[in-house]
Amino acid sequence: QVQLVESGGGLVQPGGSLRLSCAASGNIFIINVMGWYRQDPGKQRDLVATITSGGGTNYADSVKGRFTISRDNAKNTVYLQMNSLKTDDTAVYYCKATSRYTSKDYWGQGTQVTVSS
């Protein structure tokens, strides 16, 4: 099993920045891809960004150039640096880890990001 704990959400004004963190624990050696997803109430959970164990990244078009995903394998932590935030970025942000052996997904509990003036 893998446990994920997100932190760093909050309220920020448009144009501001936040950094989200996701700390993994448990059977971390099975993890390959980690990523961030976000969800508005009543809507589906959408991809924000992913990063492989080798550092390969992928971003949703809506966040390219503004968000940066990174990974510290020594600390078993993945980060999401969010700059130039827009009101449309408001959502609950979830961390996900995927097993390299079974492709099973593990999810964190989510952290709220609110962009508002």
Protein backbone atom coordinates (compact mmCIF):
# COMPACT_ATOMS: atom_id res chain seq x y z
CA GLN A 1 0.00 0.00 0.00
CA VAL A 2 0.96 3.60 -0.63
CA GLN A 3 -0.23 6.57 1.38
CA LEU A 4 -0.23 10.10 -0.04
CA VAL A 5 -0.62 13.31 1.94
CA GLU A 6 -1.04 16.63 0.15
CA SER A 7 -0.36 20.05 1.62
CA GLY A 8 0.07 23.64 0.50
CA GLY A 9 -3.38 24.59 -0.70
CA GLY A 10 -5.10 27.79 0.28
CA LEU A 11 -6.53 31.09 -0.87
CA VAL A 12 -4.55 33.23 -3.29
CA GLN A 13 -5.32 36.24 -5.45
CA PRO A 14 -5.29 36.03 -9.24
CA GLY A 15 -1.73 36.27 -10.52
CA GLY A 16 -0.34 34.81 -7.32
CA SER A 17 1.56 31.60 -6.65
CA LEU A 18 1.23 28.47 -4.53
CA ARG A 19 3.30 25.34 -4.14
CA LEU A 20 1.61 22.04 -3.43
CA SER A 21 3.45 19.10 -1.89
CA CYS A 22 2.58 15.41 -1.86
CA ALA A 23 4.48 13.12 0.49
CA ALA A 24 4.39 9.40 -0.21
CA SER A 25 4.87 6.69 2.39
CA GLY A 26 4.46 2.96 2.64
CA ASN A 27 5.54 0.72 -0.21
CA ILE A 28 7.05 3.58 -2.18
CA PHE A 29 9.29 1.36 -4.26
CA ILE A 30 6.38 0.27 -6.39
CA ILE A 31 5.65 3.85 -7.53
CA ASN A 32 6.42 4.84 -11.09
CA VAL A 33 4.33 7.81 -12.20
CA MET A 34 3.11 10.49 -9.82
CA GLY A 35 0.82 13.30 -10.75
CA TRP A 36 -1.58 16.04 -9.84
CA TYR A 37 -5.24 16.15 -10.81
CA ARG A 38 -7.97 18.64 -9.97
CA GLN A 39 -11.71 18.52 -9.61
CA ASP A 40 -14.51 21.05 -9.38
CA PRO A 41 -17.74 20.03 -7.62
CA GLY A 42 -19.96 18.09 -10.00
CA LYS A 43 -17.25 17.71 -12.61
CA GLN A 44 -14.79 15.00 -13.52
CA ARG A 45 -11.28 14.86 -12.14
CA ASP A 46 -8.86 16.23 -14.73
CA LEU A 47 -5.15 15.80 -15.28
CA VAL A 48 -2.93 18.74 -14.33
CA ALA A 49 0.57 17.28 -14.60
CA THR A 50 2.46 14.02 -14.26
CA ILE A 51 6.08 13.04 -13.70
CA THR A 52 7.76 9.67 -14.08
CA SER A 53 10.41 8.21 -11.82
CA GLY A 54 12.93 9.23 -14.47
CA GLY A 55 11.75 12.83 -14.51
CA GLY A 56 9.67 12.86 -17.66
CA THR A 57 6.80 15.34 -17.41
CA ASN A 58 3.43 15.94 -19.01
CA TYR A 59 1.09 18.92 -18.57
CA ALA A 60 -2.45 19.83 -19.39
CA ASP A 61 -2.54 22.56 -22.04
CA SER A 62 -4.33 24.89 -19.64
CA VAL A 63 -1.37 24.99 -17.23
CA LYS A 64 1.62 24.82 -19.58
CA GLY A 65 4.05 27.64 -18.91
CA ARG A 66 2.46 28.42 -15.54
CA PHE A 67 2.75 25.21 -13.50
CA THR A 68 5.83 23.09 -12.88
CA ILE A 69 5.82 19.57 -11.49
CA SER A 70 8.93 18.22 -9.81
CA ARG A 71 9.91 15.22 -7.78
CA ASP A 72 12.39 14.60 -4.96
CA ASN A 73 12.89 10.85 -4.91
CA ALA A 74 15.05 11.04 -1.79
CA LYS A 75 12.15 12.63 0.10
CA ASN A 76 9.45 10.63 -1.69
CA THR A 77 7.72 13.90 -2.44
CA VAL A 78 6.26 15.46 -5.57
CA TYR A 79 5.64 19.19 -5.89
CA LEU A 80 3.45 21.40 -8.03
CA GLN A 81 4.62 24.98 -8.36
CA MET A 82 1.70 27.07 -9.57
CA ASN A 83 2.38 30.57 -10.86
CA SER A 84 0.18 33.17 -12.54
CA LEU A 85 -2.87 31.59 -10.99
CA LYS A 86 -6.28 32.25 -12.50
CA THR A 87 -9.76 31.97 -11.03
CA ASP A 88 -10.28 28.96 -13.32
CA ASP A 89 -7.55 27.13 -11.38
CA THR A 90 -9.83 26.98 -8.35
CA ALA A 91 -10.45 23.32 -7.49
CA VAL A 92 -9.57 20.51 -5.14
CA TYR A 93 -6.14 19.23 -6.14
CA TYR A 94 -5.38 15.54 -5.73
CA CYS A 95 -2.07 13.70 -5.81
CA LYS A 96 -1.91 10.31 -7.51
CA ALA A 97 0.72 7.59 -7.56
CA THR A 98 0.67 4.62 -9.93
CA SER A 99 2.25 1.23 -9.33
CA ARG A 100 4.83 0.19 -11.89
CA TYR A 101 3.82 -3.45 -11.46
CA THR A 102 0.02 -3.45 -11.33
CA SER A 103 -0.91 0.03 -12.64
CA LYS A 104 -3.01 0.45 -9.51
CA ASP A 105 -3.65 4.09 -8.63
CA TYR A 106 -3.34 5.52 -5.16
CA TRP A 107 -4.90 8.88 -4.29
CA GLY A 108 -4.38 11.47 -1.62
CA GLN A 109 -7.21 13.17 0.25
CA GLY A 110 -7.01 16.38 -1.76
CA THR A 111 -6.20 19.98 -0.94
CA GLN A 112 -8.34 23.00 -1.79
CA VAL A 113 -6.93 25.76 -3.97
CA THR A 114 -9.03 28.89 -4.26
CA VAL A 115 -8.03 31.74 -6.55
CA SER A 116 -10.09 34.81 -5.81
CA SER A 117 -9.76 38.52 -5.27
